[in-house]
N, C-alpha and C. Protein backbone atom coordinates (compact mmCIF):
# COMPACT_ATOMS: atom_id res chain seq x y z
N MET A 1 102.32 164.52 86.38
CA MET A 1 103.80 165.85 86.23
C MET A 1 102.61 167.00 86.25
N PRO A 2 103.13 167.91 86.69
CA PRO A 2 102.29 169.26 87.08
C PRO A 2 101.89 170.40 85.62
N LYS A 3 100.93 170.73 85.44
CA LYS A 3 101.03 171.33 84.24
C LYS A 3 101.41 172.50 84.27
N ARG A 4 101.85 173.25 83.11
CA ARG A 4 102.86 174.47 83.53
C ARG A 4 101.54 175.36 82.70
N LYS A 5 101.46 176.93 83.25
CA LYS A 5 101.14 178.21 83.07
C LYS A 5 101.43 178.29 81.62
N LEU A 6 101.09 178.73 80.92
CA LEU A 6 101.73 179.84 80.19
C LEU A 6 101.71 180.83 79.98
N ALA A 7 102.71 182.21 79.51
CA ALA A 7 103.05 182.94 79.98
C ALA A 7 101.68 184.22 79.32
N PRO A 8 100.94 184.95 79.82
CA PRO A 8 100.22 185.64 78.77
C PRO A 8 100.30 186.31 77.30
N PRO A 9 99.53 186.74 76.48
CA PRO A 9 100.45 186.78 75.44
C PRO A 9 100.52 188.47 75.47
N GLN A 10 101.30 189.23 74.53
CA GLN A 10 101.68 190.28 74.40
C GLN A 10 100.29 191.14 74.30
N VAL A 11 100.44 192.60 74.63
CA VAL A 11 99.00 192.93 74.77
C VAL A 11 98.56 193.53 73.08
N THR A 12 99.76 194.23 72.74
CA THR A 12 99.72 194.74 71.18
C THR A 12 100.84 194.34 70.49
N SER A 13 101.21 193.97 69.37
CA SER A 13 102.12 193.93 68.71
C SER A 13 101.86 194.39 67.53
N PRO A 14 102.78 195.38 66.52
CA PRO A 14 101.86 195.52 65.08
C PRO A 14 101.55 194.88 64.64
N LEU A 15 101.65 193.44 64.31
CA LEU A 15 100.96 192.73 63.72
C LEU A 15 99.66 192.89 64.03
N GLN A 16 99.48 192.38 65.23
CA GLN A 16 97.69 192.23 65.86
C GLN A 16 97.23 193.66 65.44
N THR A 17 97.72 194.72 65.94
CA THR A 17 96.77 195.67 64.97
C THR A 17 96.61 195.72 63.88
N ALA A 18 98.05 195.50 62.91
CA ALA A 18 96.96 195.40 61.61
C ALA A 18 96.35 194.42 61.42
N VAL A 19 96.04 193.01 62.18
CA VAL A 19 95.20 192.23 62.13
C VAL A 19 93.68 192.84 61.87
N GLU A 20 94.13 193.83 63.11
CA GLU A 20 92.66 194.55 63.68
C GLU A 20 92.18 195.71 62.99
N LEU A 21 92.95 196.23 62.24
CA LEU A 21 92.49 197.13 60.76
C LEU A 21 92.09 196.60 60.10
N TRP A 22 92.41 195.79 59.63
CA TRP A 22 92.15 194.79 57.97
C TRP A 22 90.42 194.16 58.41
N ASP A 23 90.49 194.15 59.99
CA ASP A 23 89.38 193.40 60.35
C ASP A 23 88.48 193.99 60.22
N SER A 24 88.16 195.29 60.35
CA SER A 24 87.10 196.29 60.32
C SER A 24 86.84 196.47 59.02
N ILE A 25 87.27 195.98 57.77
CA ILE A 25 86.97 195.92 56.32
C ILE A 25 85.95 194.78 56.30
N PRO A 26 84.33 195.52 56.11
CA PRO A 26 83.73 194.28 55.58
C PRO A 26 84.22 193.12 54.63
N GLY A 27 83.57 191.85 55.00
CA GLY A 27 83.82 190.98 54.40
C GLY A 27 85.32 190.40 54.70
N ILE A 28 86.26 190.95 55.14
CA ILE A 28 87.60 189.99 55.73
C ILE A 28 87.41 189.85 57.10
N ASP A 29 87.78 188.87 57.75
CA ASP A 29 87.18 188.29 59.28
C ASP A 29 88.53 188.10 59.62
N GLN A 30 88.60 187.44 60.58
CA GLN A 30 90.18 187.32 61.10
C GLN A 30 90.96 186.51 60.76
N LEU A 31 90.82 185.55 59.79
CA LEU A 31 91.27 184.71 59.08
C LEU A 31 91.96 185.32 57.89
N ALA A 32 91.05 185.72 57.48
CA ALA A 32 91.31 186.58 56.00
C ALA A 32 92.78 188.10 56.73
N ALA A 33 92.30 188.38 57.53
CA ALA A 33 93.08 189.19 58.17
C ALA A 33 94.49 189.17 58.47
N THR A 34 94.88 187.71 59.24
CA THR A 34 95.92 187.24 59.39
C THR A 34 96.94 186.57 58.42
N THR A 35 95.78 186.59 57.14
CA THR A 35 96.56 185.69 55.86
C THR A 35 97.07 186.89 55.22
N LEU A 36 96.33 187.86 55.20
CA LEU A 36 97.19 189.32 55.13
C LEU A 36 98.03 189.84 55.24
N VAL A 37 97.93 189.74 56.65
CA VAL A 37 99.50 189.86 57.28
C VAL A 37 100.53 189.22 57.50
N ALA A 38 100.84 187.86 57.48
CA ALA A 38 101.55 186.92 56.75
C ALA A 38 101.67 187.03 55.47
N GLU A 39 101.19 187.21 54.49
CA GLU A 39 101.59 187.40 53.35
C GLU A 39 102.51 188.87 52.54
N ILE A 40 101.82 190.14 53.43
CA ILE A 40 102.14 191.34 52.75
C ILE A 40 102.87 191.86 54.39
N GLY A 41 102.77 191.95 55.48
CA GLY A 41 103.32 192.21 56.65
C GLY A 41 102.68 193.24 57.15
N ALA A 42 103.24 193.99 57.96
CA ALA A 42 102.57 195.04 59.05
C ALA A 42 103.29 196.64 58.27
N ASN A 43 104.25 196.31 57.52
CA ASN A 43 104.82 197.73 57.43
C ASN A 43 104.29 198.30 55.85
N MET A 44 104.05 199.19 55.44
CA MET A 44 103.37 199.39 54.13
C MET A 44 104.17 200.46 53.45
N ASP A 45 105.71 200.71 54.32
CA ASP A 45 106.84 201.62 53.41
C ASP A 45 107.62 200.65 52.51
N GLN A 46 107.40 199.69 52.17
CA GLN A 46 107.92 198.87 51.23
C GLN A 46 107.80 198.98 50.09
N PHE A 47 106.38 199.28 50.01
CA PHE A 47 105.32 199.88 48.67
C PHE A 47 105.40 201.77 48.70
N PRO A 48 105.80 202.13 47.54
CA PRO A 48 105.34 203.39 47.32
C PRO A 48 104.28 203.94 47.39
N SER A 49 103.45 203.10 46.90
CA SER A 49 102.05 203.59 46.36
C SER A 49 101.15 202.25 46.39
N ALA A 50 99.81 202.44 46.83
CA ALA A 50 98.94 201.43 46.94
C ALA A 50 98.72 200.58 45.66
N HIS A 51 98.94 201.30 44.62
CA HIS A 51 99.04 200.89 43.23
C HIS A 51 100.03 199.67 43.12
N ASP A 52 101.26 199.74 43.71
CA ASP A 52 102.47 199.13 43.74
C ASP A 52 101.96 198.27 44.29
N LEU A 53 101.48 198.15 45.38
CA LEU A 53 101.54 196.90 45.98
C LEU A 53 100.12 195.84 45.24
N ALA A 54 99.56 196.17 45.04
CA ALA A 54 98.12 196.01 43.90
C ALA A 54 98.79 195.03 42.79
N SER A 55 99.86 196.24 42.15
CA SER A 55 100.94 195.09 41.07
C SER A 55 101.55 193.91 41.32
N TRP A 56 101.89 193.85 42.55
CA TRP A 56 103.08 193.26 43.17
C TRP A 56 102.18 191.96 44.01
N ALA A 57 100.71 192.15 44.30
CA ALA A 57 100.14 191.07 44.85
C ALA A 57 99.42 190.51 43.66
N GLY A 58 99.24 190.90 42.44
CA GLY A 58 99.24 190.50 40.99
C GLY A 58 97.44 190.55 40.94
N LEU A 59 97.26 191.28 41.42
CA LEU A 59 95.27 191.88 41.54
C LEU A 59 95.46 193.15 40.83
N CYS A 60 95.77 193.54 39.69
CA CYS A 60 95.70 194.49 38.87
C CYS A 60 95.77 194.24 37.35
N PRO A 61 94.60 194.77 37.29
CA PRO A 61 94.16 194.10 35.49
C PRO A 61 95.81 194.50 34.53
N GLY A 62 95.87 193.22 33.87
CA GLY A 62 96.78 193.86 32.55
C GLY A 62 96.64 195.15 31.46
N ASN A 63 97.68 195.45 30.93
CA ASN A 63 97.30 196.48 29.73
C ASN A 63 98.26 195.99 28.44
N ASP A 64 97.62 195.16 27.98
CA ASP A 64 98.65 194.61 26.40
C ASP A 64 97.66 195.52 25.49
N GLU A 65 98.39 196.42 25.10
CA GLU A 65 97.61 197.21 24.13
C GLU A 65 98.78 197.35 22.47
N SER A 66 98.02 197.60 21.89
CA SER A 66 99.14 198.01 20.59
C SER A 66 98.40 198.69 19.60
N ALA A 67 98.34 199.64 19.47
CA ALA A 67 97.73 200.13 17.99
C ALA A 67 96.63 200.97 18.55
N GLY A 68 96.34 200.86 19.68
CA GLY A 68 94.66 201.19 20.21
C GLY A 68 93.98 200.38 20.50
N LYS A 69 94.63 199.04 20.25
CA LYS A 69 94.01 197.48 20.22
C LYS A 69 94.05 196.81 21.52
N ARG A 70 93.07 197.01 22.28
CA ARG A 70 93.59 196.09 23.80
C ARG A 70 93.46 194.94 23.36
N ARG A 71 94.11 193.75 23.61
CA ARG A 71 94.17 192.40 23.36
C ARG A 71 94.42 191.70 24.64
N SER A 72 94.56 192.06 25.89
CA SER A 72 94.32 191.19 26.94
C SER A 72 94.53 192.05 28.20
N GLY A 73 93.85 191.29 29.23
CA GLY A 73 93.31 192.29 30.12
C GLY A 73 93.70 191.31 31.39
N LYS A 74 94.76 190.09 31.06
CA LYS A 74 94.62 189.40 32.19
C LYS A 74 95.56 190.03 33.40
N THR A 75 95.40 189.36 34.66
CA THR A 75 96.13 189.62 35.94
C THR A 75 97.60 189.30 35.71
N ARG A 76 98.65 189.88 36.38
CA ARG A 76 99.87 189.14 36.31
C ARG A 76 99.74 188.16 37.60
N LYS A 77 100.48 187.40 37.49
CA LYS A 77 100.63 186.39 38.72
C LYS A 77 101.66 187.05 39.63
N GLY A 78 101.05 186.80 41.32
CA GLY A 78 101.66 187.32 42.63
C GLY A 78 101.25 185.94 43.71
N SER A 79 101.03 186.27 44.78
CA SER A 79 100.93 185.41 45.78
C SER A 79 99.61 185.11 45.34
N VAL A 80 99.28 183.49 45.72
CA VAL A 80 98.50 182.81 45.25
C VAL A 80 97.67 182.77 46.49
N TRP A 81 98.61 182.47 47.93
CA TRP A 81 97.37 182.44 48.94
C TRP A 81 96.94 184.06 49.17
N LEU A 82 97.55 185.24 48.44
CA LEU A 82 97.02 186.41 49.08
C LEU A 82 95.94 186.79 48.25
N ARG A 83 96.13 185.99 46.91
CA ARG A 83 95.16 186.18 46.03
C ARG A 83 93.63 185.98 46.62
N ARG A 84 94.19 184.23 46.49
CA ARG A 84 92.89 183.58 47.17
C ARG A 84 92.38 184.08 48.23
N ALA A 85 93.12 184.54 49.44
CA ALA A 85 92.47 185.25 50.86
C ALA A 85 91.71 186.36 50.41
N LEU A 86 91.84 187.39 49.21
CA LEU A 86 91.62 188.71 48.95
C LEU A 86 89.97 188.52 48.26
N CYS A 87 90.11 186.99 47.41
CA CYS A 87 89.18 186.69 46.33
C CYS A 87 88.06 185.88 47.30
N GLN A 88 88.19 185.45 48.10
CA GLN A 88 87.45 184.99 49.33
C GLN A 88 86.97 186.12 49.93
N ALA A 89 87.35 186.94 50.48
CA ALA A 89 86.64 188.17 51.59
C ALA A 89 85.88 188.82 50.44
N ALA A 90 86.50 189.38 49.20
CA ALA A 90 85.26 190.05 48.31
C ALA A 90 84.60 189.11 47.94
N TRP A 91 84.16 187.51 47.83
CA TRP A 91 82.90 187.63 47.61
C TRP A 91 82.13 186.97 49.07
N SER A 92 82.79 187.46 50.29
CA SER A 92 81.89 187.76 51.29
C SER A 92 81.59 189.28 51.50
N ALA A 93 82.30 190.42 50.95
CA ALA A 93 81.71 191.85 51.12
C ALA A 93 80.82 191.85 50.08
N SER A 94 80.53 191.03 48.83
CA SER A 94 79.88 191.26 47.89
C SER A 94 78.43 191.16 48.36
N ARG A 95 78.72 190.61 49.44
CA ARG A 95 77.23 189.44 50.11
C ARG A 95 76.70 190.70 51.63
N THR A 96 77.23 191.68 51.90
CA THR A 96 76.97 192.25 53.13
C THR A 96 75.93 193.31 52.55
N LYS A 97 75.34 193.85 53.33
CA LYS A 97 73.84 194.78 53.17
C LYS A 97 74.73 196.14 53.28
N ASN A 98 74.00 197.20 52.60
CA ASN A 98 74.67 198.48 52.44
C ASN A 98 75.61 198.93 52.69
N THR A 99 76.62 198.30 51.99
CA THR A 99 78.33 198.88 52.13
C THR A 99 78.66 199.16 50.61
N TYR A 100 79.96 199.91 50.74
CA TYR A 100 80.40 200.55 49.41
C TYR A 100 80.80 199.35 48.66
N LEU A 101 81.56 198.51 49.23
CA LEU A 101 82.03 197.20 48.94
C LEU A 101 81.11 196.44 47.60
N ALA A 102 79.76 195.97 48.46
CA ALA A 102 78.84 195.63 48.14
C ALA A 102 77.83 196.24 46.66
N ALA A 103 78.05 197.97 46.80
CA ALA A 103 77.41 198.59 45.86
C ALA A 103 78.45 198.42 44.64
N GLN A 104 80.12 198.40 44.98
CA GLN A 104 80.63 198.60 43.85
C GLN A 104 80.63 197.19 43.15
N TYR A 105 80.40 195.96 43.80
CA TYR A 105 80.20 194.40 43.45
C TYR A 105 78.57 194.58 42.10
N HIS A 106 77.90 195.19 42.95
CA HIS A 106 76.57 194.95 42.13
C HIS A 106 76.53 196.53 41.09
N ARG A 107 77.41 197.03 41.11
CA ARG A 107 77.38 198.16 39.72
C ARG A 107 78.66 197.30 38.47
N LEU A 108 79.30 196.79 39.06
CA LEU A 108 80.41 195.94 38.25
C LEU A 108 79.91 194.83 37.55
N ILE A 109 78.95 193.70 38.22
CA ILE A 109 78.44 192.52 38.06
C ILE A 109 77.93 192.30 36.28
N VAL A 110 77.00 193.64 36.06
CA VAL A 110 76.34 193.91 35.18
C VAL A 110 77.48 193.71 33.67
N ARG A 111 78.32 194.31 33.98
CA ARG A 111 79.34 194.79 32.63
C ARG A 111 80.43 193.85 32.43
N LYS A 112 81.08 193.37 33.86
CA LYS A 112 82.50 192.81 33.48
C LYS A 112 82.27 190.85 34.17
N GLY A 113 80.79 190.62 34.63
CA GLY A 113 80.99 189.00 34.97
C GLY A 113 81.31 188.72 36.59
N LYS A 114 81.30 187.68 36.86
CA LYS A 114 81.55 187.48 38.38
C LYS A 114 82.64 187.51 38.62
N LYS A 115 83.82 186.69 37.61
CA LYS A 115 84.81 186.58 38.27
C LYS A 115 85.91 187.92 38.28
N ARG A 116 85.14 188.90 36.51
CA ARG A 116 86.44 189.65 36.81
C ARG A 116 85.74 190.97 37.98
N THR A 117 84.22 190.83 38.51
CA THR A 117 83.89 191.61 39.30
C THR A 117 84.80 191.23 40.83
N ILE A 118 84.90 190.06 41.39
CA ILE A 118 85.43 189.34 42.09
C ILE A 118 86.39 189.99 42.58
N VAL A 119 87.51 189.98 41.29
CA VAL A 119 88.92 190.61 41.47
C VAL A 119 88.80 192.05 41.53
N ALA A 120 88.05 192.41 40.44
CA ALA A 120 88.28 194.55 41.11
C ALA A 120 87.92 194.71 42.63
N VAL A 121 86.79 193.64 43.10
CA VAL A 121 86.23 194.13 44.64
C VAL A 121 87.80 193.64 45.39
N ALA A 122 88.28 192.99 45.13
CA ALA A 122 89.57 192.15 45.64
C ALA A 122 90.55 193.41 45.79
N HIS A 123 90.51 193.94 44.55
CA HIS A 123 91.99 195.10 44.13
C HIS A 123 91.14 195.88 45.10
N SER A 124 89.99 196.40 45.18
CA SER A 124 89.56 197.50 46.03
C SER A 124 90.04 197.58 47.64
N MET A 125 89.68 195.74 48.29
CA MET A 125 89.90 195.93 49.70
C MET A 125 91.57 195.91 49.52
N LEU A 126 92.72 195.35 48.88
CA LEU A 126 93.62 195.68 49.19
C LEU A 126 94.09 197.57 49.18
N ILE A 127 93.64 197.99 48.26
CA ILE A 127 93.94 199.47 48.33
C ILE A 127 93.68 199.69 49.80
N ILE A 128 92.29 199.47 49.90
CA ILE A 128 91.55 200.34 51.73
C ILE A 128 92.67 199.57 52.38
N ALA A 129 93.28 198.47 52.49
CA ALA A 129 94.00 197.75 53.65
C ALA A 129 95.12 198.59 53.60
N TYR A 130 95.97 198.73 51.95
CA TYR A 130 97.17 199.72 52.38
C TYR A 130 97.22 201.01 53.45
N TYR A 131 95.77 201.91 52.27
CA TYR A 131 95.65 203.00 53.47
C TYR A 131 95.40 202.80 54.59
N LEU A 132 94.23 201.93 55.31
CA LEU A 132 94.36 201.82 57.13
C LEU A 132 95.22 201.54 57.40
N LEU A 133 96.57 200.57 57.38
CA LEU A 133 97.76 200.57 57.63
C LEU A 133 98.86 201.62 57.78
N LYS A 134 98.81 201.95 56.43
CA LYS A 134 99.51 203.37 55.62
C LYS A 134 99.21 204.78 57.07
N ARG A 135 97.55 204.74 57.47
CA ARG A 135 97.55 206.16 58.47
C ARG A 135 97.12 205.61 59.32
N ARG A 136 97.19 204.39 59.80
CA ARG A 136 97.04 203.73 60.92
C ARG A 136 95.34 204.20 61.92
N CYS A 137 94.15 203.71 60.83
CA CYS A 137 93.08 204.78 61.17
C CYS A 137 92.09 203.07 61.01
N THR A 138 91.03 203.29 61.29
CA THR A 138 89.72 202.28 61.04
C THR A 138 89.31 202.12 59.78
N TYR A 139 88.29 201.62 59.41
CA TYR A 139 87.52 201.51 58.45
C TYR A 139 86.40 202.16 58.32
N GLN A 140 86.03 203.19 57.56
CA GLN A 140 84.96 204.47 57.43
C GLN A 140 83.99 204.19 55.78
N ASP A 141 82.89 203.27 56.27
CA ASP A 141 82.16 202.90 55.29
C ASP A 141 82.05 204.25 54.24
N LEU A 142 81.80 204.22 52.90
CA LEU A 142 81.23 204.70 52.29
C LEU A 142 79.89 205.19 52.06
N GLY A 143 79.29 203.87 52.06
CA GLY A 143 77.76 203.64 51.79
C GLY A 143 77.27 203.15 50.76
N PRO A 144 75.93 202.96 50.71
CA PRO A 144 75.52 202.13 49.05
C PRO A 144 75.41 202.91 48.23
N ASP A 145 75.09 204.13 48.75
CA ASP A 145 74.71 204.82 47.85
C ASP A 145 75.49 206.12 47.51
N TYR A 146 76.84 205.71 47.27
CA TYR A 146 78.30 206.30 47.14
C TYR A 146 77.69 206.71 45.94
N PHE A 147 77.86 205.91 45.19
CA PHE A 147 78.24 205.65 43.32
C PHE A 147 76.95 206.80 42.85
N ASN A 148 76.00 207.02 43.54
CA ASN A 148 74.74 207.22 43.18
C ASN A 148 74.76 209.11 43.48
N LEU A 149 75.64 209.04 44.51
CA LEU A 149 75.75 210.69 44.55
C LEU A 149 76.98 211.11 44.03
N LEU A 150 77.57 210.18 43.55
CA LEU A 150 78.92 210.62 43.05
C LEU A 150 78.48 211.67 41.94
N ASN A 151 77.62 211.38 41.19
CA ASN A 151 77.21 212.72 39.63
C ASN A 151 75.74 212.17 39.40
N GLU A 152 74.98 212.85 40.68
CA GLU A 152 73.40 212.79 40.58
C GLU A 152 73.07 213.02 39.07
N GLU A 153 73.75 214.21 38.70
CA GLU A 153 73.28 214.39 37.43
C GLU A 153 73.17 213.70 36.46
N ALA A 154 74.38 213.28 36.28
CA ALA A 154 74.64 211.92 35.10
C ALA A 154 74.14 210.91 34.85
N ILE A 155 73.34 210.21 36.64
CA ILE A 155 72.16 209.57 36.59
C ILE A 155 71.25 209.60 35.89
N THR A 156 70.40 210.80 36.50
CA THR A 156 69.46 211.60 35.88
C THR A 156 69.16 211.33 34.95
N GLN A 157 70.01 212.48 33.92
CA GLN A 157 70.00 212.75 32.96
C GLN A 157 69.84 211.06 31.98
N ARG A 158 71.04 210.29 32.32
CA ARG A 158 70.68 208.76 31.67
C ARG A 158 69.54 208.53 31.63
N LEU A 159 68.88 208.39 33.04
CA LEU A 159 67.69 207.51 33.35
C LEU A 159 66.44 208.12 32.45
N VAL A 160 66.81 209.81 32.60
CA VAL A 160 65.39 210.54 31.45
C VAL A 160 65.20 210.02 30.13
N LYS A 161 66.84 209.94 29.39
CA LYS A 161 67.27 209.64 27.98
C LYS A 161 66.87 207.90 27.94
N LYS A 162 66.64 206.89 28.75
CA LYS A 162 66.34 205.72 28.64
C LYS A 162 64.55 205.62 28.69
N LEU A 163 64.35 206.08 29.39
CA LEU A 163 63.02 206.39 29.40
C LEU A 163 61.89 206.84 28.60
N THR A 164 63.06 208.28 27.75
CA THR A 164 62.24 208.81 26.78
C THR A 164 62.65 207.76 25.44
N GLY A 165 63.42 207.46 25.01
CA GLY A 165 63.74 206.02 24.81
C GLY A 165 63.05 205.07 24.28
N LEU A 166 62.23 204.61 25.47
CA LEU A 166 61.52 203.42 25.54
C LEU A 166 59.72 203.68 25.45
N GLY A 167 59.79 205.50 25.09
CA GLY A 167 58.30 206.02 24.86
C GLY A 167 57.52 206.87 25.83
N TYR A 168 58.17 207.32 27.00
CA TYR A 168 57.65 207.55 27.50
C TYR A 168 57.67 209.47 27.38
N HIS A 169 56.89 210.21 28.24
CA HIS A 169 57.51 211.85 27.81
C HIS A 169 57.66 212.03 29.61
N VAL A 170 58.64 212.48 29.99
CA VAL A 170 59.12 212.48 31.16
C VAL A 170 59.52 213.96 31.45
N THR A 171 58.99 214.20 32.59
CA THR A 171 58.81 215.66 33.51
C THR A 171 59.57 215.47 35.06
N LEU A 172 60.45 216.13 35.48
CA LEU A 172 61.03 216.17 36.48
C LEU A 172 60.42 217.25 37.46
N GLN A 173 60.54 216.65 38.60
CA GLN A 173 59.63 217.49 39.56
C GLN A 173 60.68 217.06 40.84
N PRO A 174 60.33 218.17 41.93
CA PRO A 174 61.00 217.54 42.89
C PRO A 174 60.40 216.82 43.98
N ALA A 175 60.81 215.70 44.76
CA ALA A 175 60.21 214.74 45.58
C ALA A 175 59.36 215.77 46.91
N ARG A 176 58.36 215.84 46.93
CA ARG A 176 57.32 216.73 48.01
C ARG A 176 58.83 216.85 49.44
N THR A 177 58.85 215.91 50.26
CA THR A 177 60.21 216.09 51.13
C THR A 177 61.16 217.51 51.20
N GLN A 178 61.69 217.38 49.38
CA GLN A 178 62.44 218.47 49.35
C GLN A 178 61.86 219.60 49.18
N ALA A 179 60.50 219.92 48.72
CA ALA A 179 59.93 220.93 48.31
C ALA A 179 59.49 221.60 49.85
N VAL A 180 58.83 220.79 50.91
CA VAL A 180 58.75 221.13 51.55
C VAL A 180 60.02 221.55 53.05
N SER A 181 60.91 220.94 53.02
CA SER A 181 62.27 221.50 53.57
C SER A 181 62.85 222.61 52.98
N GLN A 182 62.62 222.99 51.56
CA GLN A 182 62.90 224.42 50.79
C GLN A 182 62.13 225.38 51.23
N ALA A 183 60.43 224.90 51.45
CA ALA A 183 59.63 225.93 51.94
C ALA A 183 60.03 226.75 53.18
N ALA A 184 60.26 225.89 54.04
CA ALA A 184 60.56 226.05 55.40
C ALA A 184 61.69 226.90 56.06
């Protein structure tokens, strides 16, 4: 029996474009991107905003509050497969070097613990994925020092206060490279 030749695959389809866009996010590989497309689809017009997508997926924190007392922050139920794929991708992204998502993981793990931090990073990845498909552009990483540059003055004041509390006398002087570049 002669073997049949298969027709060549389509060059680009909207689903393949979505997989390629999501594959550009650190931590999301081809399998995770395919799972995202299978669970969510490639058309983001069905969700009014990125936060509606996160709510539908069950990756946004709950808000059970009464009389100013916060009782629960448990996430809602959503797609089990989507949540599993995003949390696995978040674990992978937390171990990448010099990326925004890894910096977010290391910043939050101190306060929230591993599992809550992973859900927070997965939430960020889903928001990023929404905007990538909405705008049809590839992922541009903000960098590992994004959170430090966000409010440099507040970080400086916090660290000086911490050192003063430990019994040190602190005087701030600009680094030599900055002084040389300003003199020139």
